[in-house]
């Protein structure tokens, strides 16, 4: 099962459970306080997911490894390319 299908299955299950509680589809006689909590739940979950995503991206950016060797190699390649272009008559 791909990750997309796992996410879709999880969201579908949560959506079905939310609809059953919020709209009382199975006539389970759910207390009114549960329905009051269930109505804004999708918005709460969306905001929570956004905060989690933002924190994950921030953490990954903060702990991103610097590649000093790759940076030096790239600078050398730039110098070689400039020299090659000068030899071919391009003025930089």
PDB file of N, CA and C in Angstrom:
ATOM      1  N   UNK A   1       0.853  -1.173   0.000  1.00  0.00           N
ATOM      2  CA  UNK A   1       0.000   0.000   0.000  1.00  0.00           C
ATOM      3  C   UNK A   1       0.900   1.238   0.000  1.00  0.00           C
ATOM      4  N   UNK A   2       0.624   2.156  -0.896  1.00  0.00           N
ATOM      5  CA  UNK A   2       1.446   3.356  -0.980  1.00  0.00           C
ATOM      6  C   UNK A   2       1.090   4.317   0.162  1.00  0.00           C
ATOM      7  N   UNK A   3       1.966   5.271   0.371  1.00  0.00           N
ATOM      8  CA  UNK A   3       1.751   6.248   1.439  1.00  0.00           C
ATOM      9  C   UNK A   3       0.481   7.061   1.175  1.00  0.00           C
ATOM     10  N   UNK A   4       0.225   7.372  -0.093  1.00  0.00           N
ATOM     11  CA  UNK A   4      -0.974   8.133  -0.439  1.00  0.00           C
ATOM     12  C   UNK A   4      -2.231   7.362  -0.040  1.00  0.00           C
ATOM     13  N   UNK A   5      -2.258   6.074  -0.332  1.00  0.00           N
ATOM     14  CA  UNK A   5      -3.426   5.273   0.026  1.00  0.00           C
ATOM     15  C   UNK A   5      -3.590   5.169   1.543  1.00  0.00           C
ATOM     16  N   UNK A   6      -2.480   5.103   2.264  1.00  0.00           N
ATOM     17  CA  UNK A   6      -2.562   5.067   3.722  1.00  0.00           C
ATOM     18  C   UNK A   6      -3.185   6.354   4.251  1.00  0.00           C
ATOM     19  N   UNK A   7      -2.722   7.492   3.734  1.00  0.00           N
ATOM     20  CA  UNK A   7      -3.265   8.784   4.162  1.00  0.00           C
ATOM     21  C   UNK A   7      -4.744   8.899   3.798  1.00  0.00           C
ATOM     22  N   UNK A   8      -5.100   8.494   2.575  1.00  0.00           N
ATOM     23  CA  UNK A   8      -6.497   8.579   2.157  1.00  0.00           C
ATOM     24  C   UNK A   8      -7.389   7.678   3.011  1.00  0.00           C
ATOM     25  N   UNK A   9      -6.907   6.494   3.348  1.00  0.00           N
ATOM     26  CA  UNK A   9      -7.671   5.596   4.197  1.00  0.00           C
ATOM     27  C   UNK A   9      -7.877   6.209   5.586  1.00  0.00           C
ATOM     28  N   UNK A  10      -6.815   6.752   6.148  1.00  0.00           N
ATOM     29  CA  UNK A  10      -6.918   7.374   7.470  1.00  0.00           C
ATOM     30  C   UNK A  10      -7.858   8.565   7.480  1.00  0.00           C
ATOM     31  N   UNK A  11      -7.747   9.425   6.479  1.00  0.00           N
ATOM     32  CA  UNK A  11      -8.619  10.609   6.393  1.00  0.00           C
ATOM     33  C   UNK A  11     -10.065  10.181   6.160  1.00  0.00           C
ATOM     34  N   UNK A  12     -10.257   9.164   5.342  1.00  0.00           N
ATOM     35  CA  UNK A  12     -11.616   8.671   5.091  1.00  0.00           C
ATOM     36  C   UNK A  12     -12.248   8.125   6.368  1.00  0.00           C
ATOM     37  N   UNK A  13     -11.489   7.348   7.121  1.00  0.00           N
ATOM     38  CA  UNK A  13     -12.021   6.809   8.376  1.00  0.00           C
ATOM     39  C   UNK A  13     -12.371   7.919   9.362  1.00  0.00           C
ATOM     40  N   UNK A  14     -11.478   8.897   9.482  1.00  0.00           N
ATOM     41  CA  UNK A  14     -11.771  10.029  10.364  1.00  0.00           C
ATOM     42  C   UNK A  14     -12.998  10.796   9.890  1.00  0.00           C
ATOM     43  N   UNK A  15     -13.130  10.965   8.570  1.00  0.00           N
ATOM     44  CA  UNK A  15     -14.287  11.673   8.016  1.00  0.00           C
ATOM     45  C   UNK A  15     -15.581  10.931   8.267  1.00  0.00           C
ATOM     46  N   UNK A  16     -15.547   9.621   8.147  1.00  0.00           N
ATOM     47  CA  UNK A  16     -16.750   8.824   8.396  1.00  0.00           C
ATOM     48  C   UNK A  16     -17.143   8.898   9.875  1.00  0.00           C
ATOM     49  N   UNK A  17     -16.155   8.759  10.745  1.00  0.00           N
ATOM     50  CA  UNK A  17     -16.444   8.838  12.186  1.00  0.00           C
ATOM     51  C   UNK A  17     -16.989  10.217  12.537  1.00  0.00           C
ATOM     52  N   UNK A  18     -16.388  11.261  11.960  1.00  0.00           N
ATOM     53  CA  UNK A  18     -16.859  12.623  12.219  1.00  0.00           C
ATOM     54  C   UNK A  18     -18.300  12.798  11.738  1.00  0.00           C
ATOM     55  N   UNK A  19     -18.617  12.298  10.532  1.00  0.00           N
ATOM     56  CA  UNK A  19     -19.971  12.449   9.992  1.00  0.00           C
ATOM     57  C   UNK A  19     -20.991  11.701  10.845  1.00  0.00           C
ATOM     58  N   UNK A  20     -20.627  10.511  11.314  1.00  0.00           N
ATOM     59  CA  UNK A  20     -21.548   9.741  12.149  1.00  0.00           C
ATOM     60  C   UNK A  20     -21.841  10.482  13.448  1.00  0.00           C
ATOM     61  N   UNK A  21     -20.811  11.069  14.044  1.00  0.00           N
ATOM     62  CA  UNK A  21     -21.022  11.782  15.311  1.00  0.00           C
ATOM     63  C   UNK A  21     -21.717  13.122  15.083  1.00  0.00           C
ATOM     64  N   UNK A  22     -21.269  13.880  14.076  1.00  0.00           N
ATOM     65  CA  UNK A  22     -21.792  15.230  13.869  1.00  0.00           C
ATOM     66  C   UNK A  22     -23.230  15.220  13.364  1.00  0.00           C
ATOM     67  N   UNK A  23     -23.558  14.305  12.494  1.00  0.00           N
ATOM     68  CA  UNK A  23     -24.902  14.277  11.907  1.00  0.00           C
ATOM     69  C   UNK A  23     -25.799  13.207  12.530  1.00  0.00           C
ATOM     70  N   UNK A  24     -25.285  12.442  13.483  1.00  0.00           N
ATOM     71  CA  UNK A  24     -26.019  11.379  14.157  1.00  0.00           C
ATOM     72  C   UNK A  24     -26.679  10.451  13.133  1.00  0.00           C
ATOM     73  N   UNK A  25     -25.854   9.949  12.211  1.00  0.00           N
ATOM     74  CA  UNK A  25     -26.362   9.135  11.111  1.00  0.00           C
ATOM     75  C   UNK A  25     -26.889   7.776  11.568  1.00  0.00           C
ATOM     76  N   UNK A  26     -26.291   7.192  12.572  1.00  0.00           N
ATOM     77  CA  UNK A  26     -26.725   5.874  13.045  1.00  0.00           C
ATOM     78  C   UNK A  26     -27.681   5.963  14.228  1.00  0.00           C
ATOM     79  N   UNK A  27     -28.103   7.167  14.536  1.00  0.00           N
ATOM     80  CA  UNK A  27     -29.018   7.421  15.657  1.00  0.00           C
ATOM     81  C   UNK A  27     -28.523   6.757  16.934  1.00  0.00           C
ATOM     82  N   UNK A  28     -27.283   7.079  17.278  1.00  0.00           N
ATOM     83  CA  UNK A  28     -26.659   6.509  18.467  1.00  0.00           C
ATOM     84  C   UNK A  28     -27.020   7.278  19.735  1.00  0.00           C
ATOM     85  N   UNK A  29     -27.810   8.313  19.584  1.00  0.00           N
ATOM     86  CA  UNK A  29     -28.179   9.222  20.686  1.00  0.00           C
ATOM     87  C   UNK A  29     -26.917   9.727  21.399  1.00  0.00           C
ATOM     88  N   UNK A  30     -26.060  10.329  20.601  1.00  0.00           N
ATOM     89  CA  UNK A  30     -24.817  10.913  21.106  1.00  0.00           C
ATOM     90  C   UNK A  30     -25.174  12.191  21.859  1.00  0.00           C
ATOM     91  N   UNK A  31     -24.601  12.418  23.036  1.00  0.00           N
ATOM     92  CA  UNK A  31     -24.901  13.652  23.779  1.00  0.00           C
ATOM     93  C   UNK A  31     -24.559  14.901  22.959  1.00  0.00           C
ATOM     94  N   UNK A  32     -25.296  15.956  23.225  1.00  0.00           N
ATOM     95  CA  UNK A  32     -25.124  17.204  22.485  1.00  0.00           C
ATOM     96  C   UNK A  32     -23.737  17.802  22.627  1.00  0.00           C
ATOM     97  N   UNK A  33     -23.110  17.616  23.775  1.00  0.00           N
ATOM     98  CA  UNK A  33     -21.766  18.180  23.962  1.00  0.00           C
ATOM     99  C   UNK A  33     -20.769  17.525  23.013  1.00  0.00           C
ATOM    100  N   UNK A  34     -20.952  16.233  22.726  1.00  0.00           N
ATOM    101  CA  UNK A  34     -20.058  15.565  21.781  1.00  0.00           C
ATOM    102  C   UNK A  34     -20.221  16.147  20.388  1.00  0.00           C
ATOM    103  N   UNK A  35     -21.468  16.432  20.021  1.00  0.00           N
ATOM    104  CA  UNK A  35     -21.699  17.033  18.693  1.00  0.00           C
ATOM    105  C   UNK A  35     -21.103  18.426  18.617  1.00  0.00           C
ATOM    106  N   UNK A  36     -21.216  19.177  19.706  1.00  0.00           N
ATOM    107  CA  UNK A  36     -20.647  20.529  19.718  1.00  0.00           C
ATOM    108  C   UNK A  36     -19.126  20.491  19.573  1.00  0.00           C
ATOM    109  N   UNK A  37     -18.513  19.474  20.118  1.00  0.00           N
ATOM    110  CA  UNK A  37     -17.061  19.321  19.992  1.00  0.00           C
ATOM    111  C   UNK A  37     -16.708  18.791  18.612  1.00  0.00           C
ATOM    112  N   UNK A  38     -17.563  17.949  18.050  1.00  0.00           N
ATOM    113  CA  UNK A  38     -17.266  17.313  16.765  1.00  0.00           C
ATOM    114  C   UNK A  38     -17.344  18.290  15.596  1.00  0.00           C
ATOM    115  N   UNK A  39     -18.220  19.278  15.660  1.00  0.00           N
ATOM    116  CA  UNK A  39     -18.377  20.178  14.511  1.00  0.00           C
ATOM    117  C   UNK A  39     -17.079  20.886  14.102  1.00  0.00           C
ATOM    118  N   UNK A  40     -16.361  21.538  15.026  1.00  0.00           N
ATOM    119  CA  UNK A  40     -15.135  22.237  14.591  1.00  0.00           C
ATOM    120  C   UNK A  40     -13.902  21.333  14.498  1.00  0.00           C
ATOM    121  N   UNK A  41     -14.046  20.042  14.743  1.00  0.00           N
ATOM    122  CA  UNK A  41     -12.895  19.138  14.767  1.00  0.00           C
ATOM    123  C   UNK A  41     -12.092  19.131  13.460  1.00  0.00           C
ATOM    124  N   UNK A  42     -12.713  19.134  12.279  1.00  0.00           N
ATOM    125  CA  UNK A  42     -11.898  19.178  11.043  1.00  0.00           C
ATOM    126  C   UNK A  42     -11.004  20.420  10.970  1.00  0.00           C
ATOM    127  N   UNK A  43     -11.528  21.551  11.430  1.00  0.00           N
ATOM    128  CA  UNK A  43     -10.724  22.773  11.427  1.00  0.00           C
ATOM    129  C   UNK A  43      -9.557  22.649  12.405  1.00  0.00           C
ATOM    130  N   UNK A  44      -9.811  22.095  13.579  1.00  0.00           N
ATOM    131  CA  UNK A  44      -8.737  21.889  14.550  1.00  0.00           C
ATOM    132  C   UNK A  44      -7.665  20.957  13.994  1.00  0.00           C
ATOM    133  N   UNK A  45      -8.094  19.894  13.349  1.00  0.00           N
ATOM    134  CA  UNK A  45      -7.132  18.950  12.773  1.00  0.00           C
ATOM    135  C   UNK A  45      -6.324  19.597  11.650  1.00  0.00           C
ATOM    136  N   UNK A  46      -6.966  20.420  10.844  1.00  0.00           N
ATOM    137  CA  UNK A  46      -6.256  21.106   9.760  1.00  0.00           C
ATOM    138  C   UNK A  46      -5.217  22.073  10.316  1.00  0.00           C
ATOM    139  N   UNK A  47      -5.582  22.823  11.332  1.00  0.00           N
ATOM    140  CA  UNK A  47      -4.632  23.761  11.947  1.00  0.00           C
ATOM    141  C   UNK A  47      -3.484  22.995  12.611  1.00  0.00           C
ATOM    142  N   UNK A  48      -3.801  21.900  13.279  1.00  0.00           N
ATOM    143  CA  UNK A  48      -2.754  21.081  13.911  1.00  0.00           C
ATOM    144  C   UNK A  48      -1.793  20.512  12.870  1.00  0.00           C
ATOM    145  N   UNK A  49      -2.340  20.034  11.764  1.00  0.00           N
ATOM    146  CA  UNK A  49      -1.500  19.504  10.692  1.00  0.00           C
ATOM    147  C   UNK A  49      -0.606  20.602  10.111  1.00  0.00           C
ATOM    148  N   UNK A  50      -1.145  21.800   9.942  1.00  0.00           N
ATOM    149  CA  UNK A  50      -0.345  22.917   9.447  1.00  0.00           C
ATOM    150  C   UNK A  50       0.786  23.274  10.392  1.00  0.00           C
ATOM    151  N   UNK A  51       0.495  23.286  11.692  1.00  0.00           N
ATOM    152  CA  UNK A  51       1.547  23.576  12.682  1.00  0.00           C
ATOM    153  C   UNK A  51       2.616  22.500  12.675  1.00  0.00           C
ATOM    154  N   UNK A  52       2.198  21.251  12.591  1.00  0.00           N
ATOM    155  CA  UNK A  52       3.157  20.146  12.539  1.00  0.00           C
ATOM    156  C   UNK A  52       4.036  20.254  11.286  1.00  0.00           C
ATOM    157  N   UNK A  53       3.414  20.555  10.154  1.00  0.00           N
ATOM    158  CA  UNK A  53       4.177  20.678   8.907  1.00  0.00           C
ATOM    159  C   UNK A  53       5.178  21.818   8.987  1.00  0.00           C
ATOM    160  N   UNK A  54       4.747  22.950   9.508  1.00  0.00           N
ATOM    161  CA  UNK A  54       5.637  24.098   9.645  1.00  0.00           C
ATOM    162  C   UNK A  54       6.797  23.785  10.589  1.00  0.00           C
ATOM    163  N   UNK A  55       6.513  23.114  11.695  1.00  0.00           N
ATOM    164  CA  UNK A  55       7.572  22.749  12.633  1.00  0.00           C
ATOM    165  C   UNK A  55       8.548  21.756  12.005  1.00  0.00           C
ATOM    166  N   UNK A  56       8.031  20.804  11.236  1.00  0.00           N
ATOM    167  CA  UNK A  56       8.898  19.812  10.592  1.00  0.00           C
ATOM    168  C   UNK A  56       9.816  20.478   9.571  1.00  0.00           C
ATOM    169  N   UNK A  57       9.259  21.349   8.751  1.00  0.00           N
ATOM    170  CA  UNK A  57      10.082  22.048   7.756  1.00  0.00           C
ATOM    171  C   UNK A  57      11.117  22.921   8.453  1.00  0.00           C
ATOM    172  N   UNK A  58      10.722  23.640   9.495  1.00  0.00           N
ATOM    173  CA  UNK A  58      11.665  24.480  10.240  1.00  0.00           C
ATOM    174  C   UNK A  58      12.787  23.673  10.858  1.00  0.00           C
ATOM    175  N   UNK A  59      12.456  22.532  11.437  1.00  0.00           N
ATOM    176  CA  UNK A  59      13.486  21.677  12.039  1.00  0.00           C
ATOM    177  C   UNK A  59      14.443  21.140  10.986  1.00  0.00           C
ATOM    178  N   UNK A  60      13.898  20.705   9.848  1.00  0.00           N
ATOM    179  CA  UNK A  60      14.755  20.153   8.794  1.00  0.00           C
ATOM    180  C   UNK A  60      15.670  21.226   8.205  1.00  0.00           C
ATOM    181  N   UNK A  61      15.170  22.454   8.093  1.00  0.00           N
ATOM    182  CA  UNK A  61      16.015  23.539   7.587  1.00  0.00           C
ATOM    183  C   UNK A  61      17.098  23.875   8.609  1.00  0.00           C
ATOM    184  N   UNK A  62      16.732  23.878   9.885  1.00  0.00           N
ATOM    185  CA  UNK A  62      17.700  24.221  10.932  1.00  0.00           C
ATOM    186  C   UNK A  62      18.796  23.182  11.068  1.00  0.00           C
ATOM    187  N   UNK A  63      18.497  21.924  10.792  1.00  0.00           N
ATOM    188  CA  UNK A  63      19.483  20.862  10.954  1.00  0.00           C
ATOM    189  C   UNK A  63      20.059  20.388   9.628  1.00  0.00           C
ATOM    190  N   UNK A  64      19.871  21.180   8.580  1.00  0.00           N
ATOM    191  CA  UNK A  64      20.389  20.813   7.262  1.00  0.00           C
ATOM    192  C   UNK A  64      21.909  20.838   7.288  1.00  0.00           C
ATOM    193  N   UNK A  65      22.529  19.784   6.804  1.00  0.00           N
ATOM    194  CA  UNK A  65      23.991  19.691   6.836  1.00  0.00           C
ATOM    195  C   UNK A  65      24.619  20.553   5.744  1.00  0.00           C
ATOM    196  N   UNK A  66      25.683  21.260   6.117  1.00  0.00           N
ATOM    197  CA  UNK A  66      26.451  22.008   5.136  1.00  0.00           C
ATOM    198  C   UNK A  66      27.415  21.056   4.441  1.00  0.00           C
ATOM    199  N   UNK A  67      27.581  21.261   3.156  1.00  0.00           N
ATOM    200  CA  UNK A  67      28.473  20.408   2.369  1.00  0.00           C
ATOM    201  C   UNK A  67      29.648  21.266   1.900  1.00  0.00           C
ATOM    202  N   UNK A  68      30.637  21.441   2.783  1.00  0.00           N
ATOM    203  CA  UNK A  68      31.773  22.298   2.459  1.00  0.00           C
ATOM    204  C   UNK A  68      32.559  21.764   1.273  1.00  0.00           C
ATOM    205  N   UNK A  69      32.771  20.475   1.214  1.00  0.00           N
ATOM    206  CA  UNK A  69      33.533  19.879   0.118  1.00  0.00           C
ATOM    207  C   UNK A  69      32.816  20.088  -1.208  1.00  0.00           C
ATOM    208  N   UNK A  70      31.508  19.899  -1.217  1.00  0.00           N
ATOM    209  CA  UNK A  70      30.735  20.092  -2.447  1.00  0.00           C
ATOM    210  C   UNK A  70      30.752  21.563  -2.868  1.00  0.00           C
ATOM    211  N   UNK A  71      30.746  22.478  -1.900  1.00  0.00           N
ATOM    212  CA  UNK A  71      30.791  23.900  -2.220  1.00  0.00           C
ATOM    213  C   UNK A  71      32.133  24.269  -2.864  1.00  0.00           C
ATOM    214  N   UNK A  72      33.235  23.726  -2.322  1.00  0.00           N
ATOM    215  CA  UNK A  72      34.552  23.998  -2.922  1.00  0.00           C
ATOM    216  C   UNK A  72      34.632  23.422  -4.330  1.00  0.00           C
ATOM    217  N   UNK A  73      34.100  22.213  -4.521  1.00  0.00           N
ATOM    218  CA  UNK A  73      34.115  21.585  -5.841  1.00  0.00           C
ATOM    219  C   UNK A  73      33.313  22.413  -6.840  1.00  0.00           C
ATOM    220  N   UNK A  74      32.181  22.931  -6.408  1.00  0.00           N
ATOM    221  CA  UNK A  74      31.362  23.764  -7.287  1.00  0.00           C
ATOM    222  C   UNK A  74      32.076  25.058  -7.640  1.00  0.00           C
ATOM    223  N   UNK A  75      32.764  25.675  -6.677  1.00  0.00           N
ATOM    224  CA  UNK A  75      33.526  26.897  -6.956  1.00  0.00           C
ATOM    225  C   UNK A  75      34.639  26.621  -7.973  1.00  0.00           C
ATOM    226  N   UNK A  76      35.294  25.488  -7.845  1.00  0.00           N
ATOM    227  CA  UNK A  76      36.335  25.108  -8.812  1.00  0.00           C
ATOM    228  C   UNK A  76      35.744  24.937 -10.206  1.00  0.00           C
ATOM    229  N   UNK A  77      34.601  24.296 -10.289  1.00  0.00           N
ATOM    230  CA  UNK A  77      33.954  24.108 -11.587  1.00  0.00           C
ATOM    231  C   UNK A  77      33.547  25.443 -12.202  1.00  0.00           C
ATOM    232  N   UNK A  78      33.129  26.386 -11.381  1.00  0.00           N
ATOM    233  CA  UNK A  78      32.768  27.724 -11.880  1.00  0.00           C
ATOM    234  C   UNK A  78      34.011  28.417 -12.425  1.00  0.00           C
ATOM    235  N   UNK A  79      35.120  28.316 -11.683  1.00  0.00           N
ATOM    236  CA  UNK A  79      36.366  28.933 -12.165  1.00  0.00           C
ATOM    237  C   UNK A  79      36.809  28.306 -13.479  1.00  0.00           C
ATOM    238  N   UNK A  80      36.735  26.984 -13.581  1.00  0.00           N
ATOM    239  CA  UNK A  80      37.112  26.303 -14.822  1.00  0.00           C
ATOM    240  C   UNK A  80      36.209  26.727 -15.976  1.00  0.00           C
ATOM    241  N   UNK A  81      34.925  26.861 -15.718  1.00  0.00           N
ATOM    242  CA  UNK A  81      33.995  27.272 -16.769  1.00  0.00           C
ATOM    243  C   UNK A  81      34.296  28.695 -17.219  1.00  0.00           C
ATOM    244  N   UNK A  82      34.607  29.594 -16.281  1.00  0.00           N
ATOM    245  CA  UNK A  82      34.944  30.973 -16.651  1.00  0.00           C
ATOM    246  C   UNK A  82      36.214  31.012 -17.489  1.00  0.00           C
ATOM    247  N   UNK A  83      37.231  30.238 -17.095  1.00  0.00           N
ATOM    248  CA  UNK A  83      38.478  30.194 -17.872  1.00  0.00           C
ATOM    249  C   UNK A  83      38.230  29.642 -19.268  1.00  0.00           C
ATOM    250  N   UNK A  84      37.413  28.629 -19.342  1.00  0.00           N
ATOM    251  CA  UNK A  84      37.093  28.037 -20.650  1.00  0.00           C
ATOM    252  C   UNK A  84      36.370  29.054 -21.540  1.00  0.00           C
ATOM    253  N   UNK A  85      35.458  29.813 -20.961  1.00  0.00           N
ATOM    254  CA  UNK A  85      34.735  30.822 -21.744  1.00  0.00           C
ATOM    255  C   UNK A  85      35.666  31.960 -22.167  1.00  0.00           C
ATOM    256  N   UNK A  86      36.640  32.340 -21.312  1.00  0.00           N
ATOM    257  CA  UNK A  86      37.599  33.370 -21.688  1.00  0.00           C
ATOM    258  C   UNK A  86      38.471  32.919 -22.860  1.00  0.00           C
ATOM    259  N   UNK A  87      38.858  31.630 -22.819  1.00  0.00           N
ATOM    260  CA  UNK A  87      39.654  31.081 -23.912  1.00  0.00           C
ATOM    261  C   UNK A  87      38.906  31.109 -25.234  1.00  0.00           C
ATOM    262  N   UNK A  88      37.582  30.982 -25.146  1.00  0.00           N
ATOM    263  CA  UNK A  88      36.768  30.976 -26.361  1.00  0.00           C
ATOM    264  C   UNK A  88      36.387  32.393 -26.796  1.00  0.00           C
ATOM    265  N   UNK A  89      36.824  33.391 -26.060  1.00  0.00           N
ATOM    266  CA  UNK A  89      36.636  34.779 -26.469  1.00  0.00           C
ATOM    267  C   UNK A  89      35.513  35.520 -25.796  1.00  0.00           C
ATOM    268  N   UNK A  90      34.864  34.951 -24.824  1.00  0.00           N
ATOM    269  CA  UNK A  90      33.777  35.618 -24.131  1.00  0.00           C
ATOM    270  C   UNK A  90      34.386  36.472 -23.020  1.00  0.00           C
ATOM    271  N   UNK A  91      33.961  37.743 -22.957  1.00  0.00           N
ATOM    272  CA  UNK A  91      34.467  38.636 -21.904  1.00  0.00           C
ATOM    273  C   UNK A  91      33.475  38.653 -20.763  1.00  0.00           C
ATOM    274  N   UNK A  92      33.986  38.400 -19.562  1.00  0.00           N
ATOM    275  CA  UNK A  92      33.137  38.388 -18.364  1.00  0.00           C
ATOM    276  C   UNK A  92      33.361  39.609 -17.543  1.00  0.00           C
TER     277      UNK A  92
END
